[in-house]
Amino acid sequence: MWSSSLKNRRQGALGPPSMALRPLLRKWVDMPATNEALNLAGLIYERLSKLAPVETLKLQKLMYYCNAWSLALTDRPMFRDEIQAWKHGPVVASLYPYHRGAVLIGEWPHGSGVDVPKRDSELAQQVVEIYGGRTGWALRELTHTETPWRDAWLESEQGRVRGFEISHTTMRDYYRSLLVQTRS
């Protein structure tokens, strides 16, 4: 379905792209977040909010890095929510409605870090230690230099095809390759 739909869209057979993709966009934006994603966001929020208000951009990028490093190190995601290539980097689309329009998050009543499994919590805390000192914009810039977002963004025709997923396989392979480079 995808390949023929995109091929037809490129050829103009389906009319304006926004009209052709509207039903698919609604699915992606309206998908509810899983408890795993909400709780991980809660853990990240709890950790960062002790120092300052939490930027939504930063929360989104840390969610991405938690899932990416979990895939690279354990072969499994911390949460199964789709991560998409948006203009400002990877976004957990199901979380977006919880902070839509906000730059800073003053509270996160949607999930709790205490409900994150211990192995995920430990890895997430390491991710926050490594990446958490950067601003949301700096993390955005970092993701823009990395293959998973760049490749998905290019495949999405630089955002013309909205909701383009960054696959688990791509994240796993890219971040695993960074581990191999570090060990060499």
Protein backbone atom coordinates (compact mmCIF):
# COMPACT_ATOMS: atom_id res chain seq x y z
CA MET A 1 0.00 0.00 0.00
CA TRP A 2 2.71 2.47 1.00
CA SER A 3 4.86 2.18 -2.09
CA SER A 4 1.99 2.44 -4.56
CA SER A 5 0.40 5.26 -2.57
CA LEU A 6 3.61 7.27 -2.53
CA LYS A 7 4.31 6.51 -6.19
CA ASN A 8 0.84 7.72 -7.17
CA ARG A 9 1.25 10.80 -4.97
CA ARG A 10 4.51 11.70 -6.67
CA GLN A 11 2.78 11.37 -10.03
CA GLY A 12 -0.06 13.62 -8.90
CA ALA A 13 -2.71 10.90 -9.24
CA LEU A 14 -4.14 11.52 -5.78
CA GLY A 15 -4.45 15.29 -5.91
CA PRO A 16 -2.82 17.57 -3.36
CA PRO A 17 -0.55 15.60 -0.99
CA SER A 18 -2.24 16.99 2.12
CA MET A 19 -5.64 15.68 1.00
CA ALA A 20 -4.29 12.26 0.02
CA LEU A 21 -2.49 11.77 3.32
CA ARG A 22 -5.05 13.32 5.69
CA PRO A 23 -6.54 9.97 6.88
CA LEU A 24 -3.04 8.63 7.58
CA LEU A 25 -1.99 11.79 9.42
CA ARG A 26 -5.01 11.59 11.68
CA LYS A 27 -4.00 8.05 12.65
CA TRP A 28 -0.47 9.11 13.58
CA VAL A 29 -1.33 12.22 15.50
CA ASP A 30 -4.27 10.69 17.34
CA MET A 31 -2.61 7.47 18.45
CA PRO A 32 -2.61 7.36 22.25
CA ALA A 33 0.74 7.10 23.97
CA THR A 34 1.58 3.81 25.63
CA ASN A 35 2.11 3.63 29.38
CA GLU A 36 5.77 2.80 28.71
CA ALA A 37 6.27 6.08 26.82
CA LEU A 38 4.28 8.15 29.33
CA ASN A 39 6.20 6.69 32.26
CA LEU A 40 9.58 7.15 30.59
CA ALA A 41 8.66 10.77 29.84
CA GLY A 42 7.73 11.05 33.52
CA LEU A 43 11.11 9.69 34.58
CA ILE A 44 12.97 12.10 32.30
CA TYR A 45 10.79 14.98 33.45
CA GLU A 46 11.34 14.13 37.14
CA ARG A 47 15.08 13.98 36.61
CA LEU A 48 15.39 17.22 34.64
CA SER A 49 12.80 19.34 36.44
CA LYS A 50 14.92 19.36 39.59
CA LEU A 51 17.30 21.73 37.76
CA ALA A 52 15.03 23.86 35.55
CA PRO A 53 11.80 23.78 33.54
CA VAL A 54 11.90 21.04 30.93
CA GLU A 55 11.93 21.99 27.24
CA THR A 56 9.53 19.95 25.12
CA LEU A 57 12.19 19.70 22.41
CA LYS A 58 14.63 18.28 24.95
CA LEU A 59 12.10 15.78 26.31
CA GLN A 60 11.37 14.51 22.80
CA LYS A 61 15.04 14.08 21.90
CA LEU A 62 15.84 12.31 25.18
CA MET A 63 12.93 9.92 24.57
CA TYR A 64 14.43 9.19 21.16
CA TYR A 65 17.92 8.60 22.55
CA CYS A 66 16.57 6.32 25.30
CA ASN A 67 14.82 4.13 22.75
CA ALA A 68 17.74 4.21 20.31
CA TRP A 69 20.33 3.19 22.90
CA SER A 70 18.02 0.53 24.33
CA LEU A 71 17.72 -0.96 20.84
CA ALA A 72 21.49 -0.80 20.33
CA LEU A 73 22.36 -2.36 23.68
CA THR A 74 19.51 -4.79 24.36
CA ASP A 75 17.81 -5.34 20.99
CA ARG A 76 14.50 -4.15 22.42
CA PRO A 77 12.81 -0.77 22.65
CA MET A 78 11.90 0.88 25.94
CA PHE A 79 8.54 1.80 24.39
CA ARG A 80 6.80 0.76 21.18
CA ASP A 81 5.38 4.17 20.19
CA GLU A 82 6.44 5.26 16.74
CA ILE A 83 9.26 7.78 16.46
CA GLN A 84 8.85 10.02 13.42
CA ALA A 85 11.19 12.31 11.49
CA TRP A 86 9.84 15.82 11.95
CA LYS A 87 11.45 19.09 10.89
CA HIS A 88 13.10 19.63 14.28
CA GLY A 89 14.27 16.05 14.70
CA PRO A 90 12.86 12.79 16.00
CA VAL A 91 9.46 13.03 17.73
CA VAL A 92 7.46 10.46 19.65
CA ALA A 93 4.25 11.49 17.88
CA SER A 94 1.96 9.91 20.47
CA LEU A 95 3.46 12.18 23.16
CA TYR A 96 3.11 15.35 21.14
CA PRO A 97 -0.55 16.01 22.10
CA TYR A 98 0.49 16.07 25.77
CA HIS A 99 2.65 19.16 25.22
CA ARG A 100 1.35 20.60 21.92
CA GLY A 101 2.04 24.31 21.69
CA ALA A 102 4.23 24.45 24.80
CA VAL A 103 7.92 25.29 24.83
CA LEU A 104 8.41 24.33 28.48
CA ILE A 105 6.73 21.68 30.58
CA GLY A 106 5.78 22.78 34.09
CA GLU A 107 4.45 19.39 35.18
CA TRP A 108 4.04 15.86 33.85
CA PRO A 109 0.94 14.25 35.39
CA HIS A 110 0.64 11.67 32.61
CA GLY A 111 3.07 9.01 33.84
CA SER A 112 5.51 8.26 36.62
CA GLY A 113 9.17 7.34 36.56
CA VAL A 114 8.64 4.87 39.40
CA ASP A 115 6.69 2.68 36.96
CA VAL A 116 9.63 2.33 34.53
CA PRO A 117 11.26 -1.12 34.82
CA LYS A 118 14.62 -1.04 36.63
CA ARG A 119 16.75 -1.99 33.60
CA ASP A 120 15.10 0.75 31.51
CA SER A 121 15.33 3.25 34.32
CA GLU A 122 19.06 2.68 34.72
CA LEU A 123 19.71 3.10 31.00
CA ALA A 124 17.44 6.16 30.79
CA GLN A 125 19.32 7.77 33.67
CA GLN A 126 22.60 7.19 31.82
CA VAL A 127 21.12 8.75 28.68
CA VAL A 128 19.98 11.77 30.70
CA GLU A 129 23.46 12.07 32.27
CA ILE A 130 25.13 11.97 28.84
CA TYR A 131 22.71 14.10 26.82
CA GLY A 132 20.73 15.99 29.48
CA GLY A 133 23.20 18.83 29.90
CA ARG A 134 22.48 20.05 26.36
CA THR A 135 19.62 22.31 25.39
CA GLY A 136 16.75 21.00 23.34
CA TRP A 137 18.05 22.93 20.35
CA ALA A 138 21.54 21.43 20.74
CA LEU A 139 19.99 17.94 20.82
CA ARG A 140 17.96 18.83 17.73
CA GLU A 141 21.15 19.83 15.96
CA LEU A 142 22.86 16.60 17.07
CA THR A 143 20.03 14.41 15.73
CA HIS A 144 20.25 16.29 12.43
CA THR A 145 23.83 15.06 12.00
CA GLU A 146 22.93 11.42 12.65
CA THR A 147 21.89 8.86 10.04
CA PRO A 148 18.52 7.67 11.45
CA TRP A 149 16.83 11.09 11.33
CA ARG A 150 18.67 12.27 8.20
CA ASP A 151 17.74 9.20 6.15
CA ALA A 152 14.09 9.24 7.28
CA TRP A 153 13.86 12.99 6.63
CA LEU A 154 15.22 12.53 3.12
CA GLU A 155 12.83 9.63 2.46
CA SER A 156 9.96 11.81 3.67
CA GLU A 157 10.89 14.29 0.95
CA GLN A 158 11.99 16.69 3.69
CA GLY A 159 8.68 16.56 5.47
CA ARG A 160 6.35 16.52 2.46
CA VAL A 161 5.31 13.02 3.52
CA ARG A 162 4.38 13.59 7.14
CA GLY A 163 4.64 11.04 9.89
CA PHE A 164 7.58 9.19 8.36
CA GLU A 165 8.80 6.60 10.86
CA ILE A 166 12.41 6.21 11.96
CA SER A 167 12.62 2.43 12.13
CA HIS A 168 13.86 0.47 15.10
CA THR A 169 16.28 -1.34 12.82
CA THR A 170 17.82 1.90 11.59
CA MET A 171 18.22 3.23 15.14
CA ARG A 172 19.62 -0.04 16.44
CA ASP A 173 22.14 -0.44 13.64
CA TYR A 174 23.34 3.17 13.73
CA TYR A 175 23.86 3.41 17.50
CA ARG A 176 25.33 -0.08 17.64
CA SER A 177 27.87 1.03 15.01
CA LEU A 178 28.86 3.88 17.34
CA LEU A 179 29.60 1.30 20.03
CA VAL A 180 31.79 -0.66 17.64
CA GLN A 181 33.69 2.52 16.66
CA THR A 182 34.25 3.34 20.34
CA ARG A 183 35.63 -0.13 21.08
CA SER A 184 38.00 -0.09 18.08
